[in-house]
Amino acid sequence: MKTILASIALAFLLSSCWDEGKLQVYNKIHNVKLENISFGDISVFSSLLPGENTDDVLVSDFRDKFPKVHQLEFYMVSNGNRVYLKTKSKYSLEYGERLTITITDTTEVINPLLQ
């Protein structure tokens, strides 16, 4: 009986420290597909055509591991060319928050392979 009560108490304690945020990405770049999209070590989506968006991606971790602050990383594909890019800006996701990142023609990006 003590083991069961201890297990329940431990599960409650861990679940109260565990939290999540939601992340969504929009591709608003004309004539460009985004592939292998990630936010830090979190895979967001495999491929977004122009005008598409991801479903909400749940980002779960211990509460003290938030905020998650990362650049959005992706491959930009157009006319047979494929380039690895990161947003110049970093985005911050707090627990309990919903972060929407919109990639447009004017989003500043860098190619880390050229730096």
Protein backbone atom coordinates (compact mmCIF):
# COMPACT_ATOMS: atom_id res chain seq x y z
CA MET A 1 0.00 0.00 0.00
CA LYS A 2 2.86 2.37 0.87
CA THR A 3 4.43 1.68 -2.52
CA ILE A 4 1.21 2.55 -4.34
CA LEU A 5 0.80 5.79 -2.38
CA ALA A 6 4.44 6.72 -2.96
CA SER A 7 4.05 6.02 -6.69
CA ILE A 8 0.93 8.20 -6.90
CA ALA A 9 2.65 11.02 -4.98
CA LEU A 10 5.71 10.80 -7.25
CA ALA A 11 3.56 10.82 -10.39
CA PHE A 12 1.68 13.87 -9.13
CA LEU A 13 4.92 15.67 -8.25
CA LEU A 14 6.46 14.97 -11.66
CA SER A 15 3.33 15.98 -13.55
CA SER A 16 3.14 19.28 -11.67
CA CYS A 17 6.72 20.09 -12.80
CA TRP A 18 6.06 19.01 -16.39
CA ASP A 19 4.57 21.53 -18.78
CA GLU A 20 4.16 22.24 -22.46
CA GLY A 21 3.90 25.01 -24.99
CA LYS A 22 2.58 24.99 -28.54
CA LEU A 23 4.42 26.00 -31.69
CA GLN A 24 3.06 26.65 -35.17
CA VAL A 25 4.93 27.67 -38.34
CA TYR A 26 3.48 29.41 -41.43
CA ASN A 27 5.22 29.44 -44.83
CA LYS A 28 4.31 32.70 -46.55
CA ILE A 29 7.23 32.73 -49.00
CA HIS A 30 6.16 32.79 -52.64
CA ASN A 31 7.25 29.81 -54.77
CA VAL A 32 9.39 28.25 -52.03
CA LYS A 33 8.96 25.01 -50.12
CA LEU A 34 10.35 24.68 -46.59
CA GLU A 35 11.70 21.27 -45.57
CA ASN A 36 13.07 19.67 -42.38
CA ILE A 37 11.84 22.50 -40.17
CA SER A 38 13.12 22.47 -36.60
CA PHE A 39 13.09 24.67 -33.51
CA GLY A 40 16.28 23.82 -31.64
CA ASP A 41 16.26 20.03 -31.29
CA ILE A 42 12.49 19.87 -31.82
CA SER A 43 11.39 18.66 -35.25
CA VAL A 44 8.46 20.84 -36.29
CA PHE A 45 7.47 19.55 -39.73
CA SER A 46 8.94 17.76 -42.73
CA SER A 47 7.66 19.97 -45.56
CA LEU A 48 5.53 23.10 -46.03
CA LEU A 49 4.41 24.41 -49.40
CA PRO A 50 3.79 28.14 -49.91
CA GLY A 51 0.71 29.24 -47.95
CA GLU A 52 0.67 26.15 -45.72
CA ASN A 53 1.05 25.99 -41.96
CA THR A 54 1.82 23.27 -39.46
CA ASP A 55 -0.60 21.93 -36.91
CA ASP A 56 0.21 22.88 -33.34
CA VAL A 57 3.37 21.10 -32.24
CA LEU A 58 3.43 20.31 -28.51
CA VAL A 59 6.73 21.13 -26.86
CA SER A 60 6.87 19.29 -23.53
CA ASP A 61 9.55 19.55 -20.87
CA PHE A 62 10.09 20.32 -17.21
CA ARG A 63 8.84 23.76 -16.29
CA ASP A 64 12.32 24.97 -15.33
CA LYS A 65 13.57 24.16 -18.88
CA PHE A 66 11.36 26.96 -20.26
CA PRO A 67 11.58 29.36 -21.98
CA LYS A 68 12.81 27.54 -25.07
CA VAL A 69 14.80 30.09 -27.09
CA HIS A 70 15.93 29.02 -30.56
CA GLN A 71 16.23 30.04 -34.17
CA LEU A 72 13.98 28.30 -36.66
CA GLU A 73 16.05 26.07 -38.96
CA PHE A 74 14.94 24.76 -42.33
CA TYR A 75 15.90 23.96 -45.91
CA MET A 76 14.51 26.35 -48.52
CA VAL A 77 13.74 24.57 -51.81
CA SER A 78 13.03 26.38 -55.08
CA ASN A 79 13.62 25.46 -58.72
CA GLY A 80 15.70 22.41 -57.78
CA ASN A 81 17.98 24.39 -55.44
CA ARG A 82 18.13 23.50 -51.75
CA VAL A 83 19.71 25.81 -49.14
CA TYR A 84 20.06 25.31 -45.38
CA LEU A 85 19.01 28.44 -43.44
CA LYS A 86 18.32 29.70 -39.93
CA THR A 87 16.28 32.72 -38.98
CA LYS A 88 18.46 35.58 -37.83
CA SER A 89 16.09 36.19 -34.91
CA LYS A 90 15.64 33.81 -32.00
CA TYR A 91 12.12 33.00 -30.86
CA SER A 92 11.09 32.37 -27.27
CA LEU A 93 8.46 29.83 -26.23
CA GLU A 94 7.18 29.93 -22.64
CA TYR A 95 5.28 27.08 -21.02
CA GLY A 96 1.54 27.43 -21.49
CA GLU A 97 2.13 29.75 -24.46
CA ARG A 98 1.36 29.32 -28.16
CA LEU A 99 4.11 30.66 -30.42
CA THR A 100 3.37 31.30 -34.08
CA ILE A 101 6.33 31.86 -36.40
CA THR A 102 5.58 33.19 -39.88
CA ILE A 103 8.32 32.92 -42.49
CA THR A 104 7.85 35.55 -45.22
CA ASP A 105 9.84 37.01 -48.12
CA THR A 106 11.25 39.61 -45.70
CA THR A 107 12.24 37.26 -42.84
CA GLU A 108 15.96 37.73 -42.19
CA VAL A 109 17.87 34.46 -42.47
CA ILE A 110 21.48 33.34 -42.37
CA ASN A 111 23.30 30.39 -43.89
CA PRO A 112 25.45 29.05 -41.03
CA LEU A 113 27.48 26.98 -43.48
CA LEU A 114 28.87 30.18 -45.03
CA GLN A 115 29.93 31.81 -41.78
